[in-house]
Amino acid sequence: MEWKLELVLVPVSDVDRAKAFYTEQAGFDLLVDYSAGETFRVVQLTPPGSACAIALMAGTDMAPGSLKGLHLVVTDIDVAAAELAGRGVDVSEIYHFESGTRVPGHEPQRADYGSFLSFGDPDGNGWLVQEVGRAA
């Protein structure tokens, strides 16, 4: 039996503001914008090429901005950094780890899972972008 992760809840304080950030700045694709009554709304989006979606929701048990460490995987971290920065996302410098310590710059051999950058949404939910498959 396969078990597929298809949706991750991202707690936000303002669904419209978060939707604008994820579609206009982070470049995610809008799948669903659904409301039921005056208090329930879910906006579902996917990063380009991803099988797993995120759902932006306010008023959940999780505090807005409390989700940290979601990973996006790209084949070229330089292109990803330029795309995000070009759309106005405040991205970190590219970095890697040496002996457990964060060090500026790419992983020296550009090995898979070695180079990272990070960014946050307007509420502070934290994302990591990780380079995988560059040599493929």
C-alpha atoms as a PDB file:
ATOM      1  CA  MET A   1       0.000   0.000   0.000  1.00  0.00           C
ATOM      2  CA  GLU A   2       1.274   3.479  -0.867  1.00  0.00           C
ATOM      3  CA  TRP A   3       0.885   6.323   1.624  1.00  0.00           C
ATOM      4  CA  LYS A   4       1.090   9.686  -0.089  1.00  0.00           C
ATOM      5  CA  LEU A   5       1.379  13.012   1.646  1.00  0.00           C
ATOM      6  CA  GLU A   6      -1.005  15.258  -0.238  1.00  0.00           C
ATOM      7  CA  LEU A   7      -1.763  18.266   1.960  1.00  0.00           C
ATOM      8  CA  VAL A   8       0.012  20.268   4.657  1.00  0.00           C
ATOM      9  CA  LEU A   9      -1.897  22.849   6.683  1.00  0.00           C
ATOM     10  CA  VAL A  10      -0.188  26.248   6.888  1.00  0.00           C
ATOM     11  CA  PRO A  11      -1.620  28.423   9.686  1.00  0.00           C
ATOM     12  CA  VAL A  12      -2.037  32.076   8.699  1.00  0.00           C
ATOM     13  CA  SER A  13      -3.627  35.153  10.210  1.00  0.00           C
ATOM     14  CA  ASP A  14      -4.981  36.593   6.951  1.00  0.00           C
ATOM     15  CA  VAL A  15      -5.897  34.151   4.179  1.00  0.00           C
ATOM     16  CA  ASP A  16      -6.068  36.829   1.460  1.00  0.00           C
ATOM     17  CA  ARG A  17      -2.632  38.215   2.345  1.00  0.00           C
ATOM     18  CA  ALA A  18      -1.143  34.704   2.454  1.00  0.00           C
ATOM     19  CA  LYS A  19      -2.817  33.753  -0.838  1.00  0.00           C
ATOM     20  CA  ALA A  20      -1.307  36.830  -2.513  1.00  0.00           C
ATOM     21  CA  PHE A  21       2.146  35.992  -1.146  1.00  0.00           C
ATOM     22  CA  TYR A  22       2.077  32.344  -2.211  1.00  0.00           C
ATOM     23  CA  THR A  23       0.649  32.978  -5.697  1.00  0.00           C
ATOM     24  CA  GLU A  24       2.293  36.279  -6.624  1.00  0.00           C
ATOM     25  CA  GLN A  25       5.641  36.039  -4.823  1.00  0.00           C
ATOM     26  CA  ALA A  26       6.381  32.377  -4.104  1.00  0.00           C
ATOM     27  CA  GLY A  27       4.941  31.289  -7.477  1.00  0.00           C
ATOM     28  CA  PHE A  28       2.582  28.587  -6.179  1.00  0.00           C
ATOM     29  CA  ASP A  29      -0.403  27.473  -8.280  1.00  0.00           C
ATOM     30  CA  LEU A  30      -3.909  28.052  -6.895  1.00  0.00           C
ATOM     31  CA  LEU A  31      -6.016  24.877  -6.796  1.00  0.00           C
ATOM     32  CA  VAL A  32      -8.948  25.735  -4.514  1.00  0.00           C
ATOM     33  CA  ASP A  33     -10.396  28.806  -2.822  1.00  0.00           C
ATOM     34  CA  TYR A  34     -13.432  27.551  -0.917  1.00  0.00           C
ATOM     35  CA  SER A  35     -15.638  29.206   1.688  1.00  0.00           C
ATOM     36  CA  ALA A  36     -18.476  27.749   3.734  1.00  0.00           C
ATOM     37  CA  GLY A  37     -20.347  30.261   5.777  1.00  0.00           C
ATOM     38  CA  GLU A  38     -18.678  33.322   7.196  1.00  0.00           C
ATOM     39  CA  THR A  39     -15.942  31.640   9.216  1.00  0.00           C
ATOM     40  CA  PHE A  40     -14.590  28.736   7.162  1.00  0.00           C
ATOM     41  CA  ARG A  41     -12.251  29.264   4.224  1.00  0.00           C
ATOM     42  CA  VAL A  42      -9.513  27.117   2.792  1.00  0.00           C
ATOM     43  CA  VAL A  43      -7.120  28.062   0.025  1.00  0.00           C
ATOM     44  CA  GLN A  44      -5.190  25.167  -1.440  1.00  0.00           C
ATOM     45  CA  LEU A  45      -2.030  25.695  -3.523  1.00  0.00           C
ATOM     46  CA  THR A  46       0.873  23.686  -4.907  1.00  0.00           C
ATOM     47  CA  PRO A  47       4.467  24.608  -5.533  1.00  0.00           C
ATOM     48  CA  PRO A  48       5.178  24.198  -9.274  1.00  0.00           C
ATOM     49  CA  GLY A  49       5.661  20.507 -10.047  1.00  0.00           C
ATOM     50  CA  SER A  50       4.744  19.253  -6.577  1.00  0.00           C
ATOM     51  CA  ALA A  51       2.293  16.453  -5.844  1.00  0.00           C
ATOM     52  CA  CYS A  52       1.806  17.776  -2.299  1.00  0.00           C
ATOM     53  CA  ALA A  53      -0.314  20.863  -1.716  1.00  0.00           C
ATOM     54  CA  ILE A  54      -0.586  23.346   1.128  1.00  0.00           C
ATOM     55  CA  ALA A  55      -3.827  24.636   2.640  1.00  0.00           C
ATOM     56  CA  LEU A  56      -3.867  28.173   4.019  1.00  0.00           C
ATOM     57  CA  MET A  57      -6.225  28.444   6.962  1.00  0.00           C
ATOM     58  CA  ALA A  58      -6.884  30.964   9.701  1.00  0.00           C
ATOM     59  CA  GLY A  59      -8.374  30.109  13.077  1.00  0.00           C
ATOM     60  CA  THR A  60      -6.794  26.665  13.449  1.00  0.00           C
ATOM     61  CA  ASP A  61      -5.291  25.109  16.575  1.00  0.00           C
ATOM     62  CA  MET A  62      -1.840  26.114  15.285  1.00  0.00           C
ATOM     63  CA  ALA A  63      -0.708  29.699  15.743  1.00  0.00           C
ATOM     64  CA  PRO A  64      -0.095  31.688  12.551  1.00  0.00           C
ATOM     65  CA  GLY A  65       3.586  31.497  11.686  1.00  0.00           C
ATOM     66  CA  SER A  66       4.256  28.425  13.820  1.00  0.00           C
ATOM     67  CA  LEU A  67       5.022  26.023  10.957  1.00  0.00           C
ATOM     68  CA  LYS A  68       8.770  25.767  10.342  1.00  0.00           C
ATOM     69  CA  GLY A  69      11.034  23.613   8.220  1.00  0.00           C
ATOM     70  CA  LEU A  70       8.919  22.779   5.208  1.00  0.00           C
ATOM     71  CA  HIS A  71      11.297  21.753   2.412  1.00  0.00           C
ATOM     72  CA  LEU A  72      11.029  22.602  -1.254  1.00  0.00           C
ATOM     73  CA  VAL A  73      13.413  20.702  -3.546  1.00  0.00           C
ATOM     74  CA  VAL A  74      14.880  22.322  -6.676  1.00  0.00           C
ATOM     75  CA  THR A  75      17.526  21.255  -9.189  1.00  0.00           C
ATOM     76  CA  ASP A  76      19.227  24.674  -9.269  1.00  0.00           C
ATOM     77  CA  ILE A  77      19.263  26.703  -6.081  1.00  0.00           C
ATOM     78  CA  ASP A  78      20.717  29.771  -7.813  1.00  0.00           C
ATOM     79  CA  VAL A  79      17.785  29.920 -10.233  1.00  0.00           C
ATOM     80  CA  ALA A  80      15.344  29.369  -7.358  1.00  0.00           C
ATOM     81  CA  ALA A  81      16.934  32.173  -5.324  1.00  0.00           C
ATOM     82  CA  ALA A  82      16.809  34.546  -8.292  1.00  0.00           C
ATOM     83  CA  GLU A  83      13.164  33.707  -9.070  1.00  0.00           C
ATOM     84  CA  LEU A  84      12.038  34.234  -5.488  1.00  0.00           C
ATOM     85  CA  ALA A  85      14.048  37.425  -5.009  1.00  0.00           C
ATOM     86  CA  GLY A  86      12.820  38.712  -8.384  1.00  0.00           C
ATOM     87  CA  ARG A  87       9.233  38.375  -7.159  1.00  0.00           C
ATOM     88  CA  GLY A  88      10.019  40.242  -3.946  1.00  0.00           C
ATOM     89  CA  VAL A  89      10.550  37.348  -1.519  1.00  0.00           C
ATOM     90  CA  ASP A  90      13.136  38.047   1.185  1.00  0.00           C
ATOM     91  CA  VAL A  91      15.401  35.009   0.737  1.00  0.00           C
ATOM     92  CA  SER A  92      18.422  34.134   2.828  1.00  0.00           C
ATOM     93  CA  GLU A  93      21.855  33.735   1.381  1.00  0.00           C
ATOM     94  CA  ILE A  94      22.639  30.277   0.035  1.00  0.00           C
ATOM     95  CA  TYR A  95      24.311  28.169   2.697  1.00  0.00           C
ATOM     96  CA  HIS A  96      25.487  24.676   3.579  1.00  0.00           C
ATOM     97  CA  PHE A  97      26.585  22.851   6.707  1.00  0.00           C
ATOM     98  CA  GLU A  98      30.079  21.851   7.785  1.00  0.00           C
ATOM     99  CA  SER A  99      30.369  19.754  10.945  1.00  0.00           C
ATOM    100  CA  GLY A 100      26.845  20.774  11.891  1.00  0.00           C
ATOM    101  CA  THR A 101      27.527  24.494  11.514  1.00  0.00           C
ATOM    102  CA  ARG A 102      25.769  26.690   8.961  1.00  0.00           C
ATOM    103  CA  VAL A 103      28.324  28.142   6.520  1.00  0.00           C
ATOM    104  CA  PRO A 104      27.685  30.718   3.746  1.00  0.00           C
ATOM    105  CA  GLY A 105      27.831  29.497   0.154  1.00  0.00           C
ATOM    106  CA  HIS A 106      27.058  26.351  -1.795  1.00  0.00           C
ATOM    107  CA  GLU A 107      28.080  22.910  -0.624  1.00  0.00           C
ATOM    108  CA  PRO A 108      31.595  22.713  -2.146  1.00  0.00           C
ATOM    109  CA  GLN A 109      30.868  19.706  -4.405  1.00  0.00           C
ATOM    110  CA  ARG A 110      27.258  20.815  -5.006  1.00  0.00           C
ATOM    111  CA  ALA A 111      26.237  17.400  -3.671  1.00  0.00           C
ATOM    112  CA  ASP A 112      22.539  16.569  -3.446  1.00  0.00           C
ATOM    113  CA  TYR A 113      20.886  17.761  -0.223  1.00  0.00           C
ATOM    114  CA  GLY A 114      23.851  20.018   0.534  1.00  0.00           C
ATOM    115  CA  SER A 115      22.913  23.598  -0.444  1.00  0.00           C
ATOM    116  CA  PHE A 116      20.016  25.538   1.090  1.00  0.00           C
ATOM    117  CA  LEU A 117      18.264  28.872   1.303  1.00  0.00           C
ATOM    118  CA  SER A 118      15.345  29.883   3.454  1.00  0.00           C
ATOM    119  CA  PHE A 119      12.410  32.271   3.395  1.00  0.00           C
ATOM    120  CA  GLY A 120       9.265  32.963   5.355  1.00  0.00           C
ATOM    121  CA  ASP A 121       5.720  33.915   4.519  1.00  0.00           C
ATOM    122  CA  PRO A 122       4.089  37.106   5.917  1.00  0.00           C
ATOM    123  CA  ASP A 123       3.160  35.286   9.153  1.00  0.00           C
ATOM    124  CA  GLY A 124       6.628  33.783   9.638  1.00  0.00           C
ATOM    125  CA  ASN A 125       5.952  30.210   8.525  1.00  0.00           C
ATOM    126  CA  GLY A 126       9.421  29.012   7.540  1.00  0.00           C
ATOM    127  CA  TRP A 127      10.497  27.300   4.339  1.00  0.00           C
ATOM    128  CA  LEU A 128      13.798  25.722   3.286  1.00  0.00           C
ATOM    129  CA  VAL A 129      14.783  25.316  -0.344  1.00  0.00           C
ATOM    130  CA  GLN A 130      17.186  22.457  -0.932  1.00  0.00           C
ATOM    131  CA  GLU A 131      19.181  21.613  -4.064  1.00  0.00           C
ATOM    132  CA  VAL A 132      18.768  18.026  -5.305  1.00  0.00           C
ATOM    133  CA  GLY A 133      19.457  16.540  -8.740  1.00  0.00           C
ATOM    134  CA  ARG A 134      21.646  19.312 -10.114  1.00  0.00           C
ATOM    135  CA  ALA A 135      24.069  16.861 -11.694  1.00  0.00           C
ATOM    136  CA  ALA A 136      21.304  14.727 -13.244  1.00  0.00           C
END
